[in-house]
Amino acid sequence: MADLLEELNTAAEAGELDKPPAPPDPPPAHEPHPAPVAAPAARARSLLAAHPVADGYSGLPWALRELPWHDFETGDCGLESDLPRLRAGRVGAQFWSVHVPEALSADRAVGATLEQIDLVKHVVAAHPEGLRLARNASETADAHNCGRIATLIGPACGAALGDSLGTLRALHSLGLCAVTLSGTSWAGPDGLTTFGEEVVREMNRLGVMADLSGASDGTAHRVIAVSKSPVIFTRSGARAVRDHPANLPDELLAAVGEAKGLCLVPLAAERTGSSVREVADHLDRVREVAGPECVGLSGTYDTAAVHPDGLADPSCYPLLIAELIERDWSEAELAQLTWGNVQRALRGADFTARAARERRAASTATIELLDG
């Protein structure tokens, strides 16, 4: 019987072999493929949708003044800038320069500046769906949030002040945001005179930013020392990259960084080169020496400037941002470059003005009294 049971058990075990073989173990799952990285051009457009360009210098007021007719809405006007191209380039704010030719007399410079301010207001009022006047960081952000391009008036040339602090206050009341100090008797090669320092202090009290483009190194260093508000260079690259008088040496760039000022690199072939890569070289240098919080952009469109290949008008800004993405600029650095740094400078000017008005009244000083 034991032998029989052993035979039955053996047969049962053998029967197990008659079952179909178990399916093989599935092959190990492949690691999921990483999400494809978007092309630099697509990443640039996406970034600019969230952080548009705050353009530090546009020559539109004088260009429009010279035209017998223009259509800013459709772009059929022979300008480099118009609403379609500004929107295509994701421009969220622009400083509209009210500079006048240096050949104008002091009295004529004041009148021509007032005429340009009046023209800016007329153009903005005629395009309420595209443009909105702004004079500080809050109004600039509000304009962008409402789908408008913030239009800031300035810089004006120093000659437009007529050596008068009262004229400075009058221009500020009309919306002027910045004044270029070069080309005046009180901001020369050796620095600021006593009256020049009073001008800077009064600008601080009002919230008008000091533009040092074209100023001597002595004036620039002195204004940085005197001003409690961030200073700006609206059209300056890095002299180490291109030796142009309007560009800043590393020593001055470092001083701008320490003072938390702002260097706005122009898209002008004479100053920053004839290609997108050369402009990017200036941006790299300013970021390296002054810091990523102290660099910005100035299109210098609708001026006499010749622009680098590929950057013929404001619609080309995404191409420049794509170049910087390929150079491993972080999203945070690009957001500062395009929008954040200009907002910081505007906020700094406004904060300084509020504090200064608590400490001092409007200055009644004259150039005759202080400079003799």
Protein backbone atom coordinates (compact mmCIF):
# COMPACT_ATOMS: atom_id res chain seq x y z
CA MET A 1 0.00 0.00 0.00
CA ALA A 2 2.84 2.37 0.84
CA ASP A 3 4.33 1.61 -2.56
CA LEU A 4 0.99 2.40 -4.21
CA LEU A 5 0.69 5.74 -2.40
CA GLU A 6 4.18 6.66 -3.44
CA GLU A 7 3.29 5.89 -7.05
CA LEU A 8 0.09 8.05 -6.84
CA ASN A 9 1.98 10.97 -5.36
CA THR A 10 4.59 10.69 -8.05
CA ALA A 11 1.92 10.72 -10.71
CA ALA A 12 0.30 13.80 -9.16
CA GLU A 13 3.58 15.61 -9.16
CA ALA A 14 4.12 14.61 -12.75
CA GLY A 15 0.71 16.02 -13.62
CA GLU A 16 1.88 19.42 -12.50
CA LEU A 17 4.27 19.36 -15.42
CA ASP A 18 1.36 18.99 -17.83
CA LYS A 19 0.08 22.53 -16.96
CA PRO A 20 1.02 25.31 -19.34
CA PRO A 21 4.15 27.07 -18.18
CA ALA A 22 3.68 30.26 -16.20
CA PRO A 23 4.11 33.36 -18.31
CA PRO A 24 7.57 34.84 -18.00
CA ASP A 25 8.05 37.79 -15.72
CA PRO A 26 7.37 41.04 -17.56
CA PRO A 27 10.48 42.88 -18.56
CA PRO A 28 11.42 45.71 -16.23
CA ALA A 29 9.58 48.87 -17.00
CA HIS A 30 11.65 51.46 -18.76
CA GLU A 31 12.36 54.68 -16.95
CA PRO A 32 9.97 57.38 -18.14
CA HIS A 33 11.52 59.67 -20.69
CA PRO A 34 12.19 63.16 -19.30
CA ALA A 35 9.81 65.81 -20.52
CA PRO A 36 11.22 67.49 -23.60
CA VAL A 37 12.82 70.84 -22.90
CA ALA A 38 11.13 73.63 -24.80
CA ALA A 39 13.19 75.41 -27.41
CA PRO A 40 14.75 78.69 -26.27
CA ALA A 41 12.43 80.71 -28.52
CA ALA A 42 9.33 79.12 -26.97
CA ARG A 43 10.73 79.56 -23.46
CA ALA A 44 11.47 83.19 -24.23
CA ARG A 45 7.91 83.88 -25.32
CA SER A 46 6.55 82.11 -22.25
CA LEU A 47 8.79 84.08 -19.90
CA LEU A 48 7.94 87.42 -21.52
CA ALA A 49 4.24 86.65 -21.16
CA ALA A 50 4.74 86.69 -17.38
CA HIS A 51 7.60 89.21 -17.20
CA PRO A 52 7.30 91.71 -20.06
CA VAL A 53 10.02 94.10 -21.16
CA ALA A 54 10.32 97.45 -19.42
CA ASP A 55 12.09 99.38 -22.18
CA GLY A 56 14.29 102.13 -20.77
CA TYR A 57 14.47 104.47 -23.75
CA SER A 58 12.22 105.23 -26.72
CA GLY A 59 12.60 108.19 -29.08
CA LEU A 60 8.94 108.16 -30.10
CA PRO A 61 8.00 111.69 -28.96
CA TRP A 62 10.51 113.44 -31.22
CA ALA A 63 9.93 110.93 -34.07
CA LEU A 64 6.16 111.51 -33.90
CA ARG A 65 6.72 115.25 -33.79
CA GLU A 66 8.58 115.05 -37.12
CA LEU A 67 5.85 113.04 -38.87
CA PRO A 68 3.03 114.80 -40.72
CA TRP A 69 0.81 111.75 -40.14
CA HIS A 70 0.99 108.47 -38.24
CA ASP A 71 -1.16 105.45 -37.45
CA PHE A 72 0.20 104.04 -34.22
CA GLU A 73 -2.55 101.44 -33.97
CA THR A 74 -1.96 99.58 -37.24
CA GLY A 75 1.74 100.28 -37.65
CA ASP A 76 1.36 101.95 -41.04
CA CYS A 77 3.46 104.98 -40.16
CA GLY A 78 7.13 104.33 -40.93
CA LEU A 79 8.17 104.15 -37.27
CA GLU A 80 10.23 101.40 -35.67
CA SER A 81 7.69 101.14 -32.82
CA ASP A 82 3.93 100.83 -32.96
CA LEU A 83 1.32 98.94 -30.99
CA PRO A 84 1.43 95.71 -33.05
CA ARG A 85 5.21 95.42 -32.76
CA LEU A 86 5.27 96.43 -29.10
CA ARG A 87 2.71 93.73 -28.35
CA ALA A 88 4.60 91.16 -30.45
CA GLY A 89 7.77 91.91 -28.47
CA ARG A 90 5.91 91.67 -25.14
CA VAL A 91 6.76 95.22 -24.11
CA GLY A 92 4.93 96.09 -20.89
CA ALA A 93 6.39 99.53 -20.18
CA GLN A 94 8.42 102.17 -21.99
CA PHE A 95 10.21 105.35 -21.04
CA TRP A 96 9.41 107.89 -23.76
CA SER A 97 12.34 110.27 -23.97
CA VAL A 98 11.56 113.97 -24.23
CA HIS A 99 15.15 114.88 -25.08
CA VAL A 100 15.64 117.82 -27.43
CA PRO A 101 18.56 118.62 -29.76
CA GLU A 102 21.58 120.04 -27.98
CA ALA A 103 21.70 122.95 -30.42
CA LEU A 104 18.55 124.50 -28.94
CA SER A 105 19.00 127.46 -26.63
CA ALA A 106 18.10 127.03 -22.95
CA ASP A 107 14.78 128.86 -23.31
CA ARG A 108 13.88 126.92 -26.44
CA ALA A 109 14.84 123.63 -24.77
CA VAL A 110 12.29 124.23 -22.01
CA GLY A 111 9.54 125.01 -24.53
CA ALA A 112 10.38 122.05 -26.78
CA THR A 113 10.33 119.71 -23.76
CA LEU A 114 6.90 120.98 -22.74
CA GLU A 115 5.66 120.47 -26.31
CA GLN A 116 6.89 116.86 -26.29
CA ILE A 117 5.24 116.13 -22.95
CA ASP A 118 2.01 117.51 -24.38
CA LEU A 119 2.44 115.27 -27.45
CA VAL A 120 3.03 112.17 -25.29
CA LYS A 121 -0.19 112.83 -23.40
CA HIS A 122 -2.08 113.38 -26.65
CA VAL A 123 -0.83 110.11 -28.19
CA VAL A 124 -1.60 108.09 -25.06
CA ALA A 125 -5.09 109.61 -24.81
CA ALA A 126 -5.71 108.73 -28.47
CA HIS A 127 -4.88 105.04 -27.82
CA PRO A 128 -6.54 104.19 -24.48
CA GLU A 129 -6.84 100.49 -25.36
CA GLY A 130 -3.10 100.15 -25.86
CA LEU A 131 -1.32 102.77 -23.75
CA ARG A 132 -1.63 104.24 -20.28
CA LEU A 133 0.40 107.00 -18.62
CA ALA A 134 2.34 105.98 -15.52
CA ARG A 135 4.80 107.74 -13.25
CA ASN A 136 5.70 105.18 -10.59
CA ALA A 137 5.94 101.44 -9.98
CA SER A 138 2.33 101.03 -8.85
CA GLU A 139 0.88 102.77 -11.89
CA THR A 140 3.22 100.81 -14.17
CA ALA A 141 2.06 97.50 -12.69
CA ASP A 142 -1.59 98.58 -12.85
CA ALA A 143 -1.24 99.44 -16.54
CA HIS A 144 0.28 96.04 -17.29
CA ASN A 145 -2.39 94.22 -15.28
CA CYS A 146 -5.03 96.00 -17.34
CA GLY A 147 -3.42 94.90 -20.59
CA ARG A 148 -1.96 98.31 -21.41
CA ILE A 149 1.62 99.38 -22.10
CA ALA A 150 2.74 101.73 -19.34
CA THR A 151 4.11 104.97 -20.80
CA LEU A 152 6.53 106.84 -18.55
CA ILE A 153 7.65 110.35 -19.53
CA GLY A 154 11.39 110.86 -19.57
CA PRO A 155 14.21 111.26 -19.47
CA ALA A 156 14.38 114.95 -20.30
CA CYS A 157 17.69 116.67 -20.93
CA GLY A 158 19.19 118.67 -18.09
CA ALA A 159 19.02 121.82 -20.20
CA ALA A 160 15.22 121.60 -20.04
CA LEU A 161 15.39 122.61 -16.37
CA GLY A 162 16.70 126.05 -17.32
CA ASP A 163 18.91 125.95 -14.19
CA SER A 164 15.73 126.28 -12.14
CA LEU A 165 14.43 124.00 -9.40
CA GLY A 166 10.99 125.52 -9.90
CA THR A 167 11.05 124.32 -13.52
CA LEU A 168 12.06 120.86 -12.30
CA ARG A 169 9.02 120.79 -10.02
CA ALA A 170 6.74 122.00 -12.81
CA LEU A 171 7.97 119.29 -15.18
CA HIS A 172 7.52 116.67 -12.46
CA SER A 173 3.94 117.82 -11.92
CA LEU A 174 3.34 117.11 -15.63
CA GLY A 175 4.55 113.54 -15.20
CA LEU A 176 8.31 113.70 -15.84
CA CYS A 177 10.06 110.66 -14.29
CA ALA A 178 13.75 111.12 -15.14
CA VAL A 179 16.29 113.81 -16.09
CA THR A 180 19.61 113.31 -17.88
CA LEU A 181 22.19 115.38 -16.02
CA SER A 182 24.90 115.61 -18.67
CA GLY A 183 25.26 118.71 -20.81
CA THR A 184 24.69 121.23 -18.03
CA SER A 185 26.97 123.75 -16.33
CA TRP A 186 26.39 122.12 -12.95
CA ALA A 187 27.24 118.51 -13.96
CA GLY A 188 30.54 118.67 -15.80
CA PRO A 189 33.78 116.69 -16.21
CA ASP A 190 34.87 117.37 -12.63
CA GLY A 191 31.57 116.35 -11.04
CA LEU A 192 28.68 118.28 -9.54
CA THR A 193 28.75 121.89 -8.48
CA THR A 194 26.99 122.96 -5.26
CA PHE A 195 23.87 123.76 -7.28
CA GLY A 196 24.15 120.39 -9.04
CA GLU A 197 24.07 118.60 -5.71
CA GLU A 198 20.97 120.60 -4.76
CA VAL A 199 19.34 119.54 -8.03
CA VAL A 200 19.97 115.87 -7.16
CA ARG A 201 18.54 116.32 -3.66
CA GLU A 202 15.44 118.01 -5.05
CA MET A 203 15.03 115.22 -7.60
CA ASN A 204 15.18 112.75 -4.71
CA ARG A 205 12.47 114.72 -2.90
CA LEU A 206 10.23 114.64 -5.97
CA GLY A 207 10.90 111.05 -7.05
CA VAL A 208 12.55 112.05 -10.36
CA MET A 209 15.34 109.61 -11.24
CA ALA A 210 18.80 110.83 -12.23
CA ASP A 211 19.90 109.51 -15.63
CA LEU A 212 23.69 109.49 -15.88
CA SER A 213 24.09 108.33 -19.48
CA GLY A 214 26.73 110.48 -21.12
CA ALA A 215 27.87 111.94 -17.80
CA SER A 216 31.56 112.07 -16.92
CA ASP A 217 32.89 109.46 -14.53
CA GLY A 218 33.41 112.22 -11.95
CA THR A 219 29.78 113.33 -12.18
CA ALA A 220 28.53 109.74 -12.09
CA HIS A 221 30.50 108.87 -8.96
CA ARG A 222 29.42 112.08 -7.22
CA VAL A 223 25.73 111.60 -8.05
CA ILE A 224 25.91 108.02 -6.79
CA ALA A 225 27.37 109.36 -3.53
CA VAL A 226 24.80 112.17 -3.12
CA SER A 227 21.63 110.47 -4.29
CA LYS A 228 19.51 108.47 -1.85
CA SER A 229 17.48 107.15 -4.77
CA PRO A 230 18.65 104.57 -7.34
CA VAL A 231 20.45 106.18 -10.28
CA ILE A 232 19.98 104.91 -13.82
CA PHE A 233 22.06 104.83 -16.99
CA THR A 234 19.45 104.69 -19.74
CA ARG A 235 21.82 103.92 -22.64
CA SER A 236 25.10 102.41 -21.46
CA GLY A 237 26.85 99.12 -22.14
CA ALA A 238 30.09 97.69 -20.76
CA ARG A 239 33.30 99.44 -21.83
CA ALA A 240 35.25 96.22 -21.28
CA VAL A 241 33.25 94.67 -24.12
CA ARG A 242 33.17 97.70 -26.43
CA ASP A 243 35.28 100.79 -25.89
CA HIS A 244 32.70 103.54 -26.40
CA PRO A 245 32.64 106.75 -24.31
CA ALA A 246 29.01 106.19 -23.32
CA ASN A 247 29.75 102.71 -21.98
CA LEU A 248 30.74 102.15 -18.35
CA PRO A 249 34.11 100.91 -17.11
CA ASP A 250 34.09 98.04 -14.65
CA GLU A 251 34.91 100.36 -11.74
CA LEU A 252 31.79 102.40 -12.38
CA LEU A 253 29.68 99.30 -12.99
CA ALA A 254 30.80 98.00 -9.60
CA ALA A 255 29.79 101.32 -8.00
CA VAL A 256 26.38 101.05 -9.67
CA GLY A 257 26.00 97.58 -8.21
CA GLU A 258 26.96 98.71 -4.70
CA ALA A 259 24.46 101.58 -4.88
CA LYS A 260 21.76 99.29 -6.36
CA GLY A 261 21.49 101.52 -9.41
CA LEU A 262 20.50 100.35 -12.86
CA CYS A 263 22.43 100.08 -16.14
CA LEU A 264 20.09 99.77 -19.13
CA VAL A 265 21.97 98.29 -22.08
CA PRO A 266 20.97 99.86 -25.42
CA LEU A 267 20.24 97.94 -28.60
CA ALA A 268 22.45 100.34 -30.55
CA ALA A 269 25.12 98.97 -32.88
CA GLU A 270 27.54 101.84 -32.24
CA ARG A 271 27.56 101.21 -28.49
CA THR A 272 26.87 97.51 -28.08
CA GLY A 273 27.74 95.84 -31.39
CA SER A 274 26.04 94.74 -34.57
CA SER A 275 24.68 91.34 -33.53
CA VAL A 276 22.44 89.77 -30.92
CA ARG A 277 25.43 87.92 -29.50
CA GLU A 278 27.39 91.14 -28.99
CA VAL A 279 24.50 92.76 -27.13
CA ALA A 280 24.26 89.63 -24.98
CA ASP A 281 27.98 89.97 -24.22
CA HIS A 282 27.30 93.40 -22.70
CA LEU A 283 24.41 92.03 -20.66
CA ASP A 284 26.64 89.22 -19.41
CA ARG A 285 29.32 91.70 -18.36
CA VAL A 286 26.96 94.06 -16.56
CA ARG A 287 25.36 91.10 -14.77
CA GLU A 288 28.79 89.82 -13.74
CA VAL A 289 30.20 93.14 -12.47
CA ALA A 290 27.15 95.09 -11.21
CA GLY A 291 24.92 92.12 -10.40
CA PRO A 292 21.76 90.63 -11.94
CA GLU A 293 19.57 93.12 -10.03
CA CYS A 294 21.29 96.09 -11.74
CA VAL A 295 20.88 95.33 -15.47
CA GLY A 296 18.06 96.18 -17.85
CA LEU A 297 17.20 96.89 -21.49
CA SER A 298 16.87 100.03 -23.61
CA GLY A 299 15.59 99.55 -27.14
CA THR A 300 16.60 103.07 -28.28
CA TYR A 301 14.03 102.57 -31.03
CA ASP A 302 12.88 105.55 -33.10
CA THR A 303 16.14 107.35 -32.47
CA ALA A 304 19.07 107.94 -34.81
CA ALA A 305 20.67 104.71 -33.56
CA VAL A 306 21.36 101.85 -35.97
CA HIS A 307 20.25 98.58 -34.39
CA PRO A 308 22.01 95.20 -34.36
CA ASP A 309 21.06 92.59 -36.94
CA GLY A 310 18.00 90.72 -35.75
CA LEU A 311 16.91 93.50 -33.38
CA ALA A 312 15.42 95.95 -35.87
CA ASP A 313 12.29 96.77 -33.85
CA PRO A 314 10.61 95.94 -30.49
CA SER A 315 9.03 92.76 -31.83
CA CYS A 316 12.53 91.20 -31.76
CA TYR A 317 12.94 91.18 -27.97
CA PRO A 318 12.13 87.42 -27.74
CA LEU A 319 15.16 86.71 -29.93
CA LEU A 320 17.47 88.44 -27.44
CA ILE A 321 15.89 86.65 -24.48
CA ALA A 322 16.29 83.30 -26.31
CA GLU A 323 20.01 84.06 -26.72
CA LEU A 324 20.31 84.66 -22.97
CA ILE A 325 18.45 81.43 -22.22
CA GLU A 326 21.03 79.58 -24.28
CA ARG A 327 23.68 81.25 -22.11
CA ASP A 328 22.08 79.73 -19.01
CA TRP A 329 20.52 82.85 -17.56
CA SER A 330 18.06 81.64 -14.95
CA GLU A 331 14.37 82.49 -15.14
CA ALA A 332 14.74 84.68 -12.04
CA GLU A 333 17.59 86.63 -13.63
CA LEU A 334 15.65 87.10 -16.86
CA ALA A 335 12.58 88.26 -14.93
CA GLN A 336 14.75 90.88 -13.21
CA LEU A 337 16.30 91.94 -16.51
CA THR A 338 13.04 92.44 -18.37
CA TRP A 339 10.70 93.81 -15.71
CA GLY A 340 11.78 93.47 -12.10
CA ASN A 341 14.81 95.76 -12.03
CA VAL A 342 13.01 98.76 -13.52
CA GLN A 343 10.17 98.21 -11.06
CA ARG A 344 12.67 98.10 -8.21
CA ALA A 345 14.25 101.40 -9.32
CA LEU A 346 10.85 103.07 -9.61
CA ARG A 347 9.83 101.80 -6.17
CA GLY A 348 13.12 103.04 -4.74
CA ALA A 349 12.60 106.51 -6.19
CA ASP A 350 9.06 106.66 -4.83
CA PHE A 351 10.09 105.43 -1.35
CA THR A 352 12.95 107.94 -1.19
CA ALA A 353 10.64 110.77 -2.23
CA ARG A 354 8.08 109.96 0.46
CA ALA A 355 10.78 109.89 3.13
CA ALA A 356 12.50 113.06 1.86
CA ARG A 357 9.29 115.08 1.84
CA GLU A 358 8.90 114.32 5.52
CA ARG A 359 12.32 115.85 6.23
CA ARG A 360 12.61 118.85 3.92
CA ALA A 361 10.49 121.38 2.07
CA ALA A 362 10.91 122.34 -1.56
CA SER A 363 14.25 123.98 -2.17
CA THR A 364 14.28 127.66 -3.13
CA ALA A 365 18.00 127.71 -3.96
CA THR A 366 19.19 129.29 -7.21
CA ILE A 367 22.27 128.68 -9.29
CA GLU A 368 23.35 132.28 -8.75
CA LEU A 369 23.18 131.85 -4.98
CA LEU A 370 25.02 128.51 -4.81
CA ASP A 371 27.47 128.64 -7.72
CA GLY A 372 28.00 132.40 -7.93
